[in-house]
Protein backbone atom coordinates (compact mmCIF):
# COMPACT_ATOMS: atom_id res chain seq x y z
CA UNK A 1 28.26 12.63 51.79
CA UNK A 2 30.46 12.38 55.00
CA UNK A 3 33.28 10.74 53.13
CA UNK A 4 33.36 13.71 50.26
CA UNK A 5 33.30 16.02 53.29
CA UNK A 6 36.37 14.18 54.94
CA UNK A 7 38.07 14.09 51.29
CA UNK A 8 37.47 17.73 50.99
CA UNK A 9 38.55 18.59 54.33
CA UNK A 10 41.87 16.48 54.02
CA UNK A 11 42.30 18.33 50.49
CA UNK A 12 42.34 21.91 52.12
CA UNK A 13 44.67 20.79 54.86
CA UNK A 14 47.22 19.61 52.28
CA UNK A 15 46.76 22.73 50.39
CA UNK A 16 47.31 25.01 53.29
CA UNK A 17 50.45 23.10 54.09
CA UNK A 18 51.67 23.73 50.71
CA UNK A 19 50.84 27.33 50.60
CA UNK A 20 53.76 29.65 51.43
CA UNK A 21 54.04 30.84 55.14
CA UNK A 22 53.95 34.28 56.07
CA UNK A 23 57.39 35.20 57.63
CA UNK A 24 57.32 37.31 60.84
CA UNK A 25 59.81 39.79 61.66
CA UNK A 26 60.52 42.33 64.20
CA UNK A 27 60.55 46.18 64.19
CA UNK A 28 62.68 47.98 66.47
CA UNK A 29 62.46 51.66 67.52
CA UNK A 30 64.74 54.13 69.41
CA UNK A 31 62.94 56.35 71.72
CA UNK A 32 65.51 59.71 72.08
CA UNK A 33 64.04 60.89 75.23
CA UNK A 34 62.62 57.68 76.68
CA UNK A 35 66.20 56.28 76.75
CA UNK A 36 64.44 52.81 75.35
CA UNK A 37 64.07 50.56 72.36
CA UNK A 38 60.43 49.67 71.59
CA UNK A 39 59.87 45.99 70.07
CA UNK A 40 57.09 45.54 67.88
CA UNK A 41 55.56 42.27 66.35
CA UNK A 42 55.15 42.36 62.64
CA UNK A 43 52.25 40.13 62.33
CA UNK A 44 50.39 41.68 65.22
CA UNK A 45 51.64 45.39 65.04
CA UNK A 46 51.62 45.35 68.77
CA UNK A 47 54.34 46.12 71.35
CA UNK A 48 55.95 43.30 72.71
CA UNK A 49 58.80 44.66 74.89
CA UNK A 50 60.68 47.67 75.61
CA UNK A 51 64.39 47.66 76.76
CA UNK A 52 66.84 50.25 78.20
CA UNK A 53 69.12 51.29 75.48
CA UNK A 54 71.28 53.99 77.02
CA UNK A 55 71.32 57.68 77.10
CA UNK A 56 69.87 59.18 74.18
CA UNK A 57 69.40 56.38 71.60
CA UNK A 58 69.09 57.41 67.92
CA UNK A 59 70.85 55.64 65.12
CA UNK A 60 69.89 52.12 65.22
CA UNK A 61 70.70 49.12 62.82
CA UNK A 62 70.87 45.22 62.77
CA UNK A 63 73.24 42.63 61.45
CA UNK A 64 72.58 40.88 58.26
CA UNK A 65 72.00 37.87 59.90
CA UNK A 66 69.48 39.51 62.35
CA UNK A 67 71.51 38.22 65.51
CA UNK A 68 72.81 41.67 66.55
CA UNK A 69 71.08 44.97 67.20
CA UNK A 70 73.38 48.07 67.19
CA UNK A 71 72.15 51.42 69.03
CA UNK A 72 74.00 54.65 69.09
CA UNK A 73 73.79 55.71 72.86
CA UNK A 74 74.59 59.42 71.82
CA UNK A 75 75.09 60.77 75.40
CA UNK A 76 76.76 57.70 76.50
CA UNK A 77 79.36 58.07 73.68
CA UNK A 78 79.15 54.55 72.97
CA UNK A 79 77.32 51.98 70.70
CA UNK A 80 75.38 49.29 72.79
CA UNK A 81 75.06 45.68 71.09
CA UNK A 82 71.95 43.52 71.98
CA UNK A 83 71.39 40.01 71.30
CA UNK A 84 68.11 39.71 69.35
CA UNK A 85 67.10 36.44 70.87
CA UNK A 86 67.46 37.64 74.66
CA UNK A 87 67.37 41.38 74.01
CA UNK A 88 70.02 41.60 76.53
CA UNK A 89 73.07 43.79 76.10
CA UNK A 90 76.01 41.69 74.82
CA UNK A 91 78.91 44.53 75.10
CA UNK A 92 79.65 47.85 73.69
CA UNK A 93 81.54 49.41 70.80
CA UNK A 94 83.95 52.21 70.74
CA UNK A 95 82.14 55.02 68.96
CA UNK A 96 83.85 58.19 69.40
CA UNK A 97 82.07 61.14 70.87
CA UNK A 98 78.46 61.69 70.21
CA UNK A 99 77.45 58.97 67.86
CA UNK A 100 74.17 59.73 66.02
CA UNK A 101 73.93 57.78 63.09
CA UNK A 102 75.99 54.91 61.59
CA UNK A 103 75.90 52.11 58.66
CA UNK A 104 77.10 48.62 58.56
CA UNK A 105 79.06 47.32 55.64
CA UNK A 106 76.89 45.15 53.36
CA UNK A 107 79.04 42.00 54.69
CA UNK A 108 77.98 43.29 58.28
CA UNK A 109 81.68 44.42 59.23
CA UNK A 110 82.87 47.21 59.96
CA UNK A 111 80.58 49.83 61.31
CA UNK A 112 81.05 53.42 60.07
CA UNK A 113 79.96 56.05 62.67
CA UNK A 114 79.20 59.61 62.57
CA UNK A 115 80.55 61.59 65.48
CA UNK A 116 78.76 64.95 65.39
CA UNK A 117 80.71 66.82 67.97
CA UNK A 118 84.23 65.64 66.70
CA UNK A 119 83.87 66.07 63.11
CA UNK A 120 85.22 62.35 62.18
CA UNK A 121 83.84 59.21 61.01
CA UNK A 122 84.82 56.32 63.24
CA UNK A 123 85.25 52.96 61.67
CA UNK A 124 85.06 50.18 64.16
CA UNK A 125 85.37 46.42 63.56
CA UNK A 126 82.33 44.82 65.14
CA UNK A 127 84.09 41.43 65.87
CA UNK A 128 87.25 42.67 67.59
CA UNK A 129 85.82 45.89 68.76
CA UNK A 130 88.57 47.62 67.71
CA UNK A 131 88.72 51.07 65.98
CA UNK A 132 90.08 50.60 62.25
CA UNK A 133 90.29 54.33 61.53
CA UNK A 134 89.22 57.80 62.43
CA UNK A 135 88.05 59.87 59.48
CA UNK A 136 87.97 63.75 59.47
CA UNK A 137 85.06 65.00 57.77
CA UNK A 138 83.02 68.37 57.63
CA UNK A 139 81.62 70.04 60.63
CA UNK A 140 78.62 68.15 62.41
CA UNK A 141 78.79 64.97 60.54
CA UNK A 142 75.39 63.17 60.68
CA UNK A 143 74.13 60.99 57.72
CA UNK A 144 75.76 57.87 56.77
CA UNK A 145 75.24 55.81 53.54
CA UNK A 146 77.13 52.87 52.06
CA UNK A 147 77.02 51.58 48.40
CA UNK A 148 75.62 48.25 47.75
CA UNK A 149 79.22 46.93 46.86
CA UNK A 150 80.50 48.13 49.95
CA UNK A 151 83.41 50.29 48.13
CA UNK A 152 82.06 53.78 49.20
CA UNK A 153 80.72 55.24 52.39
CA UNK A 154 79.04 58.38 52.20
CA UNK A 155 78.69 61.00 55.09
CA UNK A 156 77.01 64.08 55.18
CA UNK A 157 78.18 67.18 57.38
CA UNK A 158 75.31 69.41 58.59
CA UNK A 159 77.34 72.73 58.76
CA UNK A 160 79.71 72.05 55.76
CA UNK A 161 76.92 71.25 53.60
CA UNK A 162 78.60 68.39 52.01
CA UNK A 163 78.32 64.79 50.96
CA UNK A 164 81.87 63.25 51.71
CA UNK A 165 82.46 60.24 49.40
CA UNK A 166 84.95 57.83 51.58
CA UNK A 167 86.89 54.94 49.97
CA UNK A 168 86.34 51.94 52.34
CA UNK A 169 89.75 50.38 51.39
CA UNK A 170 92.02 53.43 51.94
CA UNK A 171 89.70 55.43 54.19
CA UNK A 172 90.43 58.46 52.28
CA UNK A 173 87.88 61.11 51.07
CA UNK A 174 87.72 60.76 47.26
CA UNK A 175 85.22 63.29 46.48
CA UNK A 176 83.14 66.08 48.11
CA UNK A 177 79.74 67.05 46.79
CA UNK A 178 78.12 70.56 47.80
CA UNK A 179 74.47 70.06 48.76
CA UNK A 180 71.85 72.38 50.23
CA UNK A 181 71.87 73.63 53.73
CA UNK A 182 71.86 70.82 56.71
CA UNK A 183 72.42 67.57 54.75
CA UNK A 184 70.76 64.61 57.05
CA UNK A 185 70.73 61.45 55.41
CA UNK A 186 72.27 59.64 52.61
CA UNK A 187 70.50 56.44 50.56
CA UNK A 188 71.92 54.73 47.85
CA UNK A 189 69.66 52.88 45.30
CA UNK A 190 70.11 49.15 45.53
CA UNK A 191 71.79 49.08 41.99
CA UNK A 192 74.25 51.56 43.27
CA UNK A 193 73.45 54.07 40.30
CA UNK A 194 72.06 57.09 42.48
CA UNK A 195 72.77 58.51 45.84
CA UNK A 196 69.84 60.56 47.35
CA UNK A 197 71.07 63.07 50.20
CA UNK A 198 68.17 64.95 52.20
CA UNK A 199 68.77 68.72 53.07
CA UNK A 200 66.83 69.35 56.25
CA UNK A 201 67.17 73.40 56.25
CA UNK A 202 67.48 73.64 52.59
CA UNK A 203 64.11 71.72 52.00
CA UNK A 204 65.47 69.51 49.07
CA UNK A 205 66.82 66.13 48.24
CA UNK A 206 69.82 65.80 45.83
CA UNK A 207 70.08 63.15 43.50
CA UNK A 208 73.58 62.39 42.91
CA UNK A 209 75.45 60.23 40.15
CA UNK A 210 77.87 58.52 42.38
CA UNK A 211 80.38 57.68 39.86
CA UNK A 212 80.66 61.22 38.50
CA UNK A 213 80.00 63.03 42.02
CA UNK A 214 77.60 65.30 40.39
CA UNK A 215 74.09 66.47 41.28
CA UNK A 216 71.59 65.53 38.65
CA UNK A 217 68.48 66.71 40.03
CA UNK A 218 67.32 68.51 43.11
CA UNK A 219 63.56 67.61 44.44
CA UNK A 220 61.66 70.15 46.02
CA UNK A 221 58.69 69.86 48.10
CA UNK A 222 55.25 72.01 48.43
CA UNK A 223 52.19 70.92 50.44
CA UNK A 224 49.14 73.17 50.33
CA UNK A 225 48.74 74.92 53.90
CA UNK A 226 52.46 74.21 55.06
CA UNK A 227 54.91 76.69 55.47
CA UNK A 228 57.83 76.06 53.39
CA UNK A 229 60.00 76.19 56.29
CA UNK A 230 58.19 73.22 57.98
CA UNK A 231 59.33 71.01 54.92
CA UNK A 232 62.26 69.48 56.30
CA UNK A 233 63.34 66.39 54.57
CA UNK A 234 65.36 63.78 56.77
CA UNK A 235 65.07 60.06 56.27
CA UNK A 236 64.89 58.60 52.75
CA UNK A 237 64.09 55.24 51.55
CA UNK A 238 64.05 53.97 47.96
CA UNK A 239 62.46 50.60 46.89
CA UNK A 240 64.54 47.80 45.37
CA UNK A 241 63.32 48.55 41.79
CA UNK A 242 64.24 52.28 42.44
CA UNK A 243 60.90 53.42 41.25
CA UNK A 244 59.39 54.69 44.69
CA UNK A 245 61.32 57.31 46.82
CA UNK A 246 60.01 58.00 50.21
CA UNK A 247 61.11 61.06 52.01
CA UNK A 248 60.16 62.06 55.53
CA UNK A 249 59.37 65.75 55.95
CA UNK A 250 59.92 66.49 59.66
CA UNK A 251 57.56 68.95 61.08
CA UNK A 252 55.37 68.96 58.07
CA UNK A 253 53.81 65.74 59.33
CA UNK A 254 54.28 64.19 55.62
CA UNK A 255 56.05 61.50 53.91
CA UNK A 256 56.63 62.56 50.24
CA UNK A 257 56.44 59.76 47.61
CA UNK A 258 58.63 60.55 44.83
CA UNK A 259 58.82 58.96 41.42
CA UNK A 260 62.20 57.28 41.11
CA UNK A 261 62.24 57.84 37.31
CA UNK A 262 61.10 61.37 36.81
CA UNK A 263 61.88 62.65 40.33
CA UNK A 264 58.63 64.26 40.65
CA UNK A 265 56.54 64.15 43.76
CA UNK A 266 53.47 62.11 43.58
CA UNK A 267 51.75 62.62 46.75
CA UNK A 268 52.06 63.40 50.26
CA UNK A 269 51.19 60.77 52.88
CA UNK A 270 49.88 62.20 56.50
CA UNK A 271 51.76 60.52 59.14
CA UNK A 272 52.41 61.33 62.79
CA UNK A 273 53.93 64.55 64.10
CA UNK A 274 57.55 65.50 63.35
CA UNK A 275 58.22 62.50 61.00
CA UNK A 276 62.13 61.58 61.06
CA UNK A 277 63.34 57.93 60.00
CA UNK A 278 62.03 55.37 57.71
CA UNK A 279 62.49 51.50 57.50
CA UNK A 280 61.01 48.88 55.03
CA UNK A 281 59.85 45.42 55.83
CA UNK A 282 61.98 42.91 54.40
CA UNK A 283 59.73 42.42 51.36
CA UNK A 284 59.19 46.16 51.04
CA UNK A 285 55.27 45.70 51.50
CA UNK A 286 55.37 48.12 54.13
CA UNK A 287 57.38 51.18 55.42
CA UNK A 288 57.60 52.35 59.14
CA UNK A 289 57.89 56.11 60.13
CA UNK A 290 59.17 57.28 63.19
CA UNK A 291 57.07 60.34 64.54
CA UNK A 292 58.93 61.99 67.33
CA UNK A 293 56.37 64.48 68.74
CA UNK A 294 53.34 62.06 68.75
CA UNK A 295 55.39 59.39 70.07
CA UNK A 296 54.19 56.85 67.38
CA UNK A 297 55.32 55.07 64.52
CA UNK A 298 53.00 55.01 61.14
CA UNK A 299 52.67 52.02 59.00
CA UNK A 300 52.41 52.67 55.24
CA UNK A 301 51.26 50.21 52.77
CA UNK A 302 53.89 50.71 49.87
CA UNK A 303 51.63 49.20 46.90
CA UNK A 304 48.50 50.95 48.00
CA UNK A 305 50.45 54.35 49.01
CA UNK A 306 48.40 54.61 52.13
CA UNK A 307 48.91 54.92 55.71
CA UNK A 308 47.25 51.92 57.47
CA UNK A 309 48.06 52.10 61.19
CA UNK A 310 49.78 54.12 63.95
CA UNK A 311 51.44 52.32 66.74
CA UNK A 312 52.16 54.01 70.06
CA UNK A 313 55.75 53.73 71.31
CA UNK A 314 58.04 55.49 73.63
CA UNK A 315 58.99 59.09 74.12
CA UNK A 316 60.25 60.60 71.04
CA UNK A 317 60.81 57.81 68.76
CA UNK A 318 64.03 58.72 66.49
CA UNK A 319 65.29 55.88 64.60
CA UNK A 320 63.72 52.52 63.40
CA UNK A 321 65.23 49.13 62.29
CA UNK A 322 63.57 45.90 60.82
CA UNK A 323 65.04 42.10 61.30
CA UNK A 324 65.56 40.44 58.01
CA UNK A 325 63.23 37.50 57.65
């Protein structure tokens, strides 16, 4: 009998060793008023640390290999670069005035930065720390998106109400697409066939065919009991298969789930107050939202389409980035 138990225990141990291990990753949240970045462990969903991030940190992203974290310190007019192993600041990058959002080329270099006060997009080599180009765009540039092949960078200008398609080889604007009022964010699908641009004041998300530079659909939102002017689309994320589109609706305190094939809203998920930006876990099983007025982030189970947890962070969380596996 004891021998059988021993054999069974040994078998369980062997099987557990063969089972695929869960990969831990790290969630980073910029706190705009707190001037910090909150660090969260993905397995425990607990805060593990807080670092000083410069004055008014907003945009945040991470290198493809996960070794460097980039933070827009908007009121310092710089981009701070942190070593993710030590969370010590390594150096800064020239950013132009008032950097708000940026996007890395899929290769990890260069970095394209929206300079809201100067109406330009600054292109910076993250290795040499040199400015490669300053591209004039519309008034109050904010949103930044990049095509999966890295050939097109899209900037949205809040006051000009346009999405500017920038050729990454020539740094010229090839196409301008007029969208609704105050465009905030630009997100390509993983296959590069569609581009979603949110318009905060217009209350819509434009679905654009990047090859033609044409809007093929405008997604509108309606939540019972919520005034239309409170439905302010900001952050947008799309699943790898393009079937689910998540849209942060600002002061409506909702994330809209849109069908990526019909472009119809399927449901609204109640999150924290003034939901702003979004980021997926590496396996896209979870979506993290920054809730600026409730000082927390919400965790959404993507498959179950439900909010499963709220995590307190710093003062007025703005941006969120997740390390690769």
